[in-house]
Amino acid sequence: MRRDRFGNMVIGMQLKAYLVAADVTYDDFAKRIGASNAGVIAKYAAGKRVPHPKFMAAIVRETGGKVQPNDFYATEVV
């Protein structure tokens, strides 16, 4: 279980972990949420890009709430 910078448990999961666990390709997930291509999903999964609110809502919906908006923002202190 991940923890935020204050030590609180974070319930959501990273998009990449979800896609691996669900055995879903970037291309398939892009189609499911209406994104233009797999490259966009790769950037979301790598943490290089934060989804637009429209896609953020689609990601939450498509993952059944397992991936949440906060999962796209770094909160852990290294």
PDB file of N, CA and C in Angstrom:
ATOM      1  N   MET A   1       0.854  -1.180   0.000  1.00  0.00           N
ATOM      2  CA  MET A   1       0.000   0.000   0.000  1.00  0.00           C
ATOM      3  C   MET A   1       0.895   1.236   0.000  1.00  0.00           C
ATOM      4  N   ARG A   2       0.586   2.180  -0.867  1.00  0.00           N
ATOM      5  CA  ARG A   2       1.348   3.425  -0.935  1.00  0.00           C
ATOM      6  C   ARG A   2       0.946   4.358   0.196  1.00  0.00           C
ATOM      7  N   ARG A   3       1.850   5.259   0.542  1.00  0.00           N
ATOM      8  CA  ARG A   3       1.561   6.265   1.551  1.00  0.00           C
ATOM      9  C   ARG A   3       1.853   7.647   0.976  1.00  0.00           C
ATOM     10  N   ASP A   4       1.067   8.633   1.418  1.00  0.00           N
ATOM     11  CA  ASP A   4       1.313   9.994   0.968  1.00  0.00           C
ATOM     12  C   ASP A   4       2.441  10.607   1.791  1.00  0.00           C
ATOM     13  N   ARG A   5       2.763  11.858   1.540  1.00  0.00           N
ATOM     14  CA  ARG A   5       3.900  12.485   2.208  1.00  0.00           C
ATOM     15  C   ARG A   5       3.716  12.664   3.711  1.00  0.00           C
ATOM     16  N   PHE A   6       2.486  12.473   4.185  1.00  0.00           N
ATOM     17  CA  PHE A   6       2.206  12.581   5.609  1.00  0.00           C
ATOM     18  C   PHE A   6       2.137  11.220   6.291  1.00  0.00           C
ATOM     19  N   GLY A   7       2.376  10.153   5.524  1.00  0.00           N
ATOM     20  CA  GLY A   7       2.338   8.812   6.081  1.00  0.00           C
ATOM     21  C   GLY A   7       0.984   8.148   6.025  1.00  0.00           C
ATOM     22  N   ASN A   8      -0.007   8.818   5.427  1.00  0.00           N
ATOM     23  CA  ASN A   8      -1.348   8.245   5.310  1.00  0.00           C
ATOM     24  C   ASN A   8      -1.412   7.247   4.164  1.00  0.00           C
ATOM     25  N   MET A   9      -2.137   6.165   4.349  1.00  0.00           N
ATOM     26  CA  MET A   9      -2.288   5.183   3.277  1.00  0.00           C
ATOM     27  C   MET A   9      -3.089   5.781   2.124  1.00  0.00           C
ATOM     28  N   VAL A  10      -2.636   5.488   0.909  1.00  0.00           N
ATOM     29  CA  VAL A  10      -3.306   5.945  -0.301  1.00  0.00           C
ATOM     30  C   VAL A  10      -3.991   4.734  -0.917  1.00  0.00           C
ATOM     31  N   ILE A  11      -5.287   4.848  -1.158  1.00  0.00           N
ATOM     32  CA  ILE A  11      -6.061   3.703  -1.616  1.00  0.00           C
ATOM     33  C   ILE A  11      -5.923   3.440  -3.109  1.00  0.00           C
ATOM     34  N   GLY A  12      -5.752   4.461  -3.921  1.00  0.00           N
ATOM     35  CA  GLY A  12      -5.687   4.275  -5.368  1.00  0.00           C
ATOM     36  C   GLY A  12      -4.438   3.529  -5.809  1.00  0.00           C
ATOM     37  N   MET A  13      -4.371   3.253  -7.095  1.00  0.00           N
ATOM     38  CA  MET A  13      -3.183   2.598  -7.641  1.00  0.00           C
ATOM     39  C   MET A  13      -2.738   3.335  -8.887  1.00  0.00           C
ATOM     40  N   GLN A  14      -1.490   3.175  -9.233  1.00  0.00           N
ATOM     41  CA  GLN A  14      -0.955   3.819 -10.417  1.00  0.00           C
ATOM     42  C   GLN A  14      -1.561   3.195 -11.675  1.00  0.00           C
ATOM     43  N   LEU A  15      -1.720   4.002 -12.703  1.00  0.00           N
ATOM     44  CA  LEU A  15      -2.318   3.515 -13.943  1.00  0.00           C
ATOM     45  C   LEU A  15      -1.528   2.347 -14.525  1.00  0.00           C
ATOM     46  N   LYS A  16      -0.223   2.448 -14.545  1.00  0.00           N
ATOM     47  CA  LYS A  16       0.587   1.373 -15.120  1.00  0.00           C
ATOM     48  C   LYS A  16       0.349   0.052 -14.384  1.00  0.00           C
ATOM     49  N   ALA A  17       0.302   0.108 -13.055  1.00  0.00           N
ATOM     50  CA  ALA A  17       0.056  -1.102 -12.258  1.00  0.00           C
ATOM     51  C   ALA A  17      -1.320  -1.675 -12.566  1.00  0.00           C
ATOM     52  N   TYR A  18      -2.304  -0.799 -12.739  1.00  0.00           N
ATOM     53  CA  TYR A  18      -3.649  -1.267 -13.071  1.00  0.00           C
ATOM     54  C   TYR A  18      -3.649  -1.979 -14.424  1.00  0.00           C
ATOM     55  N   LEU A  19      -3.039  -1.363 -15.426  1.00  0.00           N
ATOM     56  CA  LEU A  19      -3.042  -1.937 -16.771  1.00  0.00           C
ATOM     57  C   LEU A  19      -2.346  -3.293 -16.800  1.00  0.00           C
ATOM     58  N   VAL A  20      -1.240  -3.418 -16.060  1.00  0.00           N
ATOM     59  CA  VAL A  20      -0.530  -4.698 -15.992  1.00  0.00           C
ATOM     60  C   VAL A  20      -1.407  -5.741 -15.297  1.00  0.00           C
ATOM     61  N   ALA A  21      -1.985  -5.374 -14.150  1.00  0.00           N
ATOM     62  CA  ALA A  21      -2.816  -6.311 -13.390  1.00  0.00           C
ATOM     63  C   ALA A  21      -4.051  -6.745 -14.176  1.00  0.00           C
ATOM     64  N   ALA A  22      -4.609  -5.820 -14.949  1.00  0.00           N
ATOM     65  CA  ALA A  22      -5.819  -6.108 -15.720  1.00  0.00           C
ATOM     66  C   ALA A  22      -5.512  -6.683 -17.095  1.00  0.00           C
ATOM     67  N   ASP A  23      -4.215  -6.776 -17.439  1.00  0.00           N
ATOM     68  CA  ASP A  23      -3.778  -7.279 -18.741  1.00  0.00           C
ATOM     69  C   ASP A  23      -4.418  -6.493 -19.888  1.00  0.00           C
ATOM     70  N   VAL A  24      -4.319  -5.164 -19.783  1.00  0.00           N
ATOM     71  CA  VAL A  24      -4.884  -4.261 -20.786  1.00  0.00           C
ATOM     72  C   VAL A  24      -3.736  -3.514 -21.451  1.00  0.00           C
ATOM     73  N   THR A  25      -3.722  -3.474 -22.772  1.00  0.00           N
ATOM     74  CA  THR A  25      -2.679  -2.755 -23.502  1.00  0.00           C
ATOM     75  C   THR A  25      -2.970  -1.255 -23.504  1.00  0.00           C
ATOM     76  N   TYR A  26      -1.930  -0.474 -23.749  1.00  0.00           N
ATOM     77  CA  TYR A  26      -2.116   0.969 -23.853  1.00  0.00           C
ATOM     78  C   TYR A  26      -3.093   1.301 -24.976  1.00  0.00           C
ATOM     79  N   ASP A  27      -2.970   0.604 -26.092  1.00  0.00           N
ATOM     80  CA  ASP A  27      -3.844   0.855 -27.231  1.00  0.00           C
ATOM     81  C   ASP A  27      -5.307   0.571 -26.886  1.00  0.00           C
ATOM     82  N   ASP A  28      -5.548  -0.552 -26.245  1.00  0.00           N
ATOM     83  CA  ASP A  28      -6.909  -0.909 -25.869  1.00  0.00           C
ATOM     84  C   ASP A  28      -7.475   0.092 -24.868  1.00  0.00           C
ATOM     85  N   PHE A  29      -6.659   0.487 -23.897  1.00  0.00           N
ATOM     86  CA  PHE A  29      -7.131   1.436 -22.896  1.00  0.00           C
ATOM     87  C   PHE A  29      -7.419   2.795 -23.528  1.00  0.00           C
ATOM     88  N   ALA A  30      -6.585   3.207 -24.477  1.00  0.00           N
ATOM     89  CA  ALA A  30      -6.821   4.469 -25.183  1.00  0.00           C
ATOM     90  C   ALA A  30      -8.186   4.448 -25.860  1.00  0.00           C
ATOM     91  N   LYS A  31      -8.509   3.351 -26.506  1.00  0.00           N
ATOM     92  CA  LYS A  31      -9.810   3.223 -27.167  1.00  0.00           C
ATOM     93  C   LYS A  31     -10.946   3.271 -26.161  1.00  0.00           C
ATOM     94  N   ARG A  32     -10.754   2.619 -25.018  1.00  0.00           N
ATOM     95  CA  ARG A  32     -11.803   2.568 -23.995  1.00  0.00           C
ATOM     96  C   ARG A  32     -12.135   3.942 -23.417  1.00  0.00           C
ATOM     97  N   ILE A  33     -11.113   4.803 -23.287  1.00  0.00           N
ATOM     98  CA  ILE A  33     -11.375   6.112 -22.686  1.00  0.00           C
ATOM     99  C   ILE A  33     -11.509   7.235 -23.718  1.00  0.00           C
ATOM    100  N   GLY A  34     -11.344   6.889 -24.988  1.00  0.00           N
ATOM    101  CA  GLY A  34     -11.506   7.890 -26.043  1.00  0.00           C
ATOM    102  C   GLY A  34     -10.275   8.735 -26.286  1.00  0.00           C
ATOM    103  N   ALA A  35      -9.102   8.252 -25.861  1.00  0.00           N
ATOM    104  CA  ALA A  35      -7.854   8.980 -26.109  1.00  0.00           C
ATOM    105  C   ALA A  35      -7.406   8.750 -27.545  1.00  0.00           C
ATOM    106  N   SER A  36      -6.577   9.646 -28.047  1.00  0.00           N
ATOM    107  CA  SER A  36      -6.202   9.594 -29.458  1.00  0.00           C
ATOM    108  C   SER A  36      -5.322   8.400 -29.822  1.00  0.00           C
ATOM    109  N   ASN A  37      -4.433   7.980 -28.907  1.00  0.00           N
ATOM    110  CA  ASN A  37      -3.544   6.859 -29.239  1.00  0.00           C
ATOM    111  C   ASN A  37      -2.870   6.291 -27.993  1.00  0.00           C
ATOM    112  N   ALA A  38      -2.173   5.191 -28.183  1.00  0.00           N
ATOM    113  CA  ALA A  38      -1.494   4.506 -27.080  1.00  0.00           C
ATOM    114  C   ALA A  38      -0.371   5.348 -26.485  1.00  0.00           C
ATOM    115  N   GLY A  39       0.225   6.217 -27.291  1.00  0.00           N
ATOM    116  CA  GLY A  39       1.301   7.067 -26.799  1.00  0.00           C
ATOM    117  C   GLY A  39       0.861   7.978 -25.663  1.00  0.00           C
ATOM    118  N   VAL A  40      -0.363   8.442 -25.745  1.00  0.00           N
ATOM    119  CA  VAL A  40      -0.913   9.294 -24.689  1.00  0.00           C
ATOM    120  C   VAL A  40      -1.011   8.499 -23.389  1.00  0.00           C
ATOM    121  N   ILE A  41      -1.503   7.278 -23.480  1.00  0.00           N
ATOM    122  CA  ILE A  41      -1.638   6.419 -22.305  1.00  0.00           C
ATOM    123  C   ILE A  41      -0.258   6.092 -21.744  1.00  0.00           C
ATOM    124  N   ALA A  42       0.716   5.867 -22.605  1.00  0.00           N
ATOM    125  CA  ALA A  42       2.083   5.591 -22.152  1.00  0.00           C
ATOM    126  C   ALA A  42       2.617   6.763 -21.330  1.00  0.00           C
ATOM    127  N   LYS A  43       2.330   7.988 -21.759  1.00  0.00           N
ATOM    128  CA  LYS A  43       2.772   9.172 -21.017  1.00  0.00           C
ATOM    129  C   LYS A  43       2.059   9.273 -19.679  1.00  0.00           C
ATOM    130  N   TYR A  44       0.759   8.969 -19.653  1.00  0.00           N
ATOM    131  CA  TYR A  44       0.027   8.967 -18.384  1.00  0.00           C
ATOM    132  C   TYR A  44       0.621   7.924 -17.448  1.00  0.00           C
ATOM    133  N   ALA A  45       0.857   6.722 -17.966  1.00  0.00           N
ATOM    134  CA  ALA A  45       1.352   5.608 -17.152  1.00  0.00           C
ATOM    135  C   ALA A  45       2.765   5.866 -16.625  1.00  0.00           C
ATOM    136  N   ALA A  46       3.571   6.593 -17.392  1.00  0.00           N
ATOM    137  CA  ALA A  46       4.944   6.885 -16.990  1.00  0.00           C
ATOM    138  C   ALA A  46       5.036   8.113 -16.083  1.00  0.00           C
ATOM    139  N   GLY A  47       3.916   8.792 -15.890  1.00  0.00           N
ATOM    140  CA  GLY A  47       3.921   9.985 -15.054  1.00  0.00           C
ATOM    141  C   GLY A  47       4.480  11.207 -15.745  1.00  0.00           C
ATOM    142  N   LYS A  48       4.559  11.158 -17.076  1.00  0.00           N
ATOM    143  CA  LYS A  48       5.094  12.278 -17.845  1.00  0.00           C
ATOM    144  C   LYS A  48       4.018  13.289 -18.227  1.00  0.00           C
ATOM    145  N   ARG A  49       2.771  12.904 -18.030  1.00  0.00           N
ATOM    146  CA  ARG A  49       1.661  13.774 -18.407  1.00  0.00           C
ATOM    147  C   ARG A  49       0.489  13.485 -17.479  1.00  0.00           C
ATOM    148  N   VAL A  50      -0.209  14.541 -17.072  1.00  0.00           N
ATOM    149  CA  VAL A  50      -1.406  14.391 -16.242  1.00  0.00           C
ATOM    150  C   VAL A  50      -2.607  14.505 -17.173  1.00  0.00           C
ATOM    151  N   PRO A  51      -3.546  13.565 -17.087  1.00  0.00           N
ATOM    152  CA  PRO A  51      -4.706  13.592 -17.973  1.00  0.00           C
ATOM    153  C   PRO A  51      -5.578  14.833 -17.799  1.00  0.00           C
ATOM    154  N   HIS A  52      -6.139  15.291 -18.904  1.00  0.00           N
ATOM    155  CA  HIS A  52      -7.144  16.350 -18.918  1.00  0.00           C
ATOM    156  C   HIS A  52      -8.329  15.844 -18.092  1.00  0.00           C
ATOM    157  N   PRO A  53      -9.067  16.734 -17.421  1.00  0.00           N
ATOM    158  CA  PRO A  53     -10.201  16.293 -16.594  1.00  0.00           C
ATOM    159  C   PRO A  53     -11.173  15.335 -17.290  1.00  0.00           C
ATOM    160  N   LYS A  54     -11.408  15.544 -18.580  1.00  0.00           N
ATOM    161  CA  LYS A  54     -12.308  14.647 -19.328  1.00  0.00           C
ATOM    162  C   LYS A  54     -11.764  13.217 -19.334  1.00  0.00           C
ATOM    163  N   PHE A  55     -10.475  13.085 -19.557  1.00  0.00           N
ATOM    164  CA  PHE A  55      -9.862  11.756 -19.577  1.00  0.00           C
ATOM    165  C   PHE A  55      -9.671  11.206 -18.165  1.00  0.00           C
ATOM    166  N   MET A  56      -9.427  12.110 -17.216  1.00  0.00           N
ATOM    167  CA  MET A  56      -9.288  11.680 -15.824  1.00  0.00           C
ATOM    168  C   MET A  56     -10.571  10.983 -15.373  1.00  0.00           C
ATOM    169  N   ALA A  57     -11.709  11.586 -15.683  1.00  0.00           N
ATOM    170  CA  ALA A  57     -12.998  10.987 -15.315  1.00  0.00           C
ATOM    171  C   ALA A  57     -13.191   9.643 -16.008  1.00  0.00           C
ATOM    172  N   ALA A  58     -12.781   9.555 -17.263  1.00  0.00           N
ATOM    173  CA  ALA A  58     -12.907   8.303 -18.011  1.00  0.00           C
ATOM    174  C   ALA A  58     -11.994   7.226 -17.426  1.00  0.00           C
ATOM    175  N   ILE A  59     -10.814   7.601 -16.971  1.00  0.00           N
ATOM    176  CA  ILE A  59      -9.886   6.646 -16.365  1.00  0.00           C
ATOM    177  C   ILE A  59     -10.467   6.103 -15.066  1.00  0.00           C
ATOM    178  N   VAL A  60     -10.989   6.990 -14.237  1.00  0.00           N
ATOM    179  CA  VAL A  60     -11.596   6.553 -12.972  1.00  0.00           C
ATOM    180  C   VAL A  60     -12.751   5.604 -13.260  1.00  0.00           C
ATOM    181  N   ARG A  61     -13.581   5.969 -14.211  1.00  0.00           N
ATOM    182  CA  ARG A  61     -14.745   5.143 -14.572  1.00  0.00           C
ATOM    183  C   ARG A  61     -14.302   3.787 -15.135  1.00  0.00           C
ATOM    184  N   GLU A  62     -13.355   3.800 -16.055  1.00  0.00           N
ATOM    185  CA  GLU A  62     -12.916   2.570 -16.720  1.00  0.00           C
ATOM    186  C   GLU A  62     -12.191   1.620 -15.771  1.00  0.00           C
ATOM    187  N   THR A  63     -11.516   2.167 -14.764  1.00  0.00           N
ATOM    188  CA  THR A  63     -10.792   1.319 -13.810  1.00  0.00           C
ATOM    189  C   THR A  63     -11.649   0.954 -12.602  1.00  0.00           C
ATOM    190  N   GLY A  64     -12.891   1.348 -12.630  1.00  0.00           N
ATOM    191  CA  GLY A  64     -13.770   1.050 -11.501  1.00  0.00           C
ATOM    192  C   GLY A  64     -13.340   1.760 -10.232  1.00  0.00           C
ATOM    193  N   GLY A  65     -12.694   2.903 -10.389  1.00  0.00           N
ATOM    194  CA  GLY A  65     -12.254   3.686  -9.247  1.00  0.00           C
ATOM    195  C   GLY A  65     -10.922   3.251  -8.652  1.00  0.00           C
ATOM    196  N   LYS A  66     -10.298   2.251  -9.250  1.00  0.00           N
ATOM    197  CA  LYS A  66      -9.007   1.788  -8.722  1.00  0.00           C
ATOM    198  C   LYS A  66      -7.900   2.793  -8.974  1.00  0.00           C
ATOM    199  N   VAL A  67      -8.005   3.557 -10.040  1.00  0.00           N
ATOM    200  CA  VAL A  67      -7.064   4.638 -10.325  1.00  0.00           C
ATOM    201  C   VAL A  67      -7.825   5.940 -10.113  1.00  0.00           C
ATOM    202  N   GLN A  68      -7.303   6.781  -9.243  1.00  0.00           N
ATOM    203  CA  GLN A  68      -7.936   8.039  -8.864  1.00  0.00           C
ATOM    204  C   GLN A  68      -7.094   9.228  -9.331  1.00  0.00           C
ATOM    205  N   PRO A  69      -7.688  10.421  -9.432  1.00  0.00           N
ATOM    206  CA  PRO A  69      -6.917  11.601  -9.854  1.00  0.00           C
ATOM    207  C   PRO A  69      -5.646  11.827  -9.034  1.00  0.00           C
ATOM    208  N   ASN A  70      -5.709  11.624  -7.738  1.00  0.00           N
ATOM    209  CA  ASN A  70      -4.520  11.840  -6.902  1.00  0.00           C
ATOM    210  C   ASN A  70      -3.372  10.917  -7.264  1.00  0.00           C
ATOM    211  N   ASP A  71      -3.663   9.807  -7.913  1.00  0.00           N
ATOM    212  CA  ASP A  71      -2.618   8.864  -8.296  1.00  0.00           C
ATOM    213  C   ASP A  71      -1.690   9.430  -9.377  1.00  0.00           C
ATOM    214  N   PHE A  72      -2.077  10.535  -9.994  1.00  0.00           N
ATOM    215  CA  PHE A  72      -1.261  11.139 -11.048  1.00  0.00           C
ATOM    216  C   PHE A  72      -0.350  12.241 -10.510  1.00  0.00           C
ATOM    217  N   TYR A  73      -0.443  12.498  -9.232  1.00  0.00           N
ATOM    218  CA  TYR A  73       0.366  13.555  -8.626  1.00  0.00           C
ATOM    219  C   TYR A  73       1.312  12.942  -7.609  1.00  0.00           C
ATOM    220  N   ALA A  74       2.572  13.252  -7.722  1.00  0.00           N
ATOM    221  CA  ALA A  74       3.581  12.713  -6.790  1.00  0.00           C
ATOM    222  C   ALA A  74       3.346  13.298  -5.406  1.00  0.00           C
ATOM    223  N   THR A  75       3.157  12.418  -4.434  1.00  0.00           N
ATOM    224  CA  THR A  75       2.945  12.879  -3.070  1.00  0.00           C
ATOM    225  C   THR A  75       3.967  12.296  -2.113  1.00  0.00           C
ATOM    226  N   GLU A  76       4.779  11.376  -2.577  1.00  0.00           N
ATOM    227  CA  GLU A  76       5.744  10.732  -1.702  1.00  0.00           C
ATOM    228  C   GLU A  76       7.019  11.553  -1.635  1.00  0.00           C
ATOM    229  N   VAL A  77       7.545  11.682  -0.460  1.00  0.00           N
ATOM    230  CA  VAL A  77       8.801  12.397  -0.264  1.00  0.00           C
ATOM    231  C   VAL A  77       9.916  11.367  -0.313  1.00  0.00           C
ATOM    232  N   VAL A  78      10.907  11.646  -1.130  1.00  0.00           N
ATOM    233  CA  VAL A  78      12.024  10.700  -1.285  1.00  0.00           C
ATOM    234  C   VAL A  78      13.205  11.192  -0.494  1.00  0.00           C
TER     235      VAL A  78
END
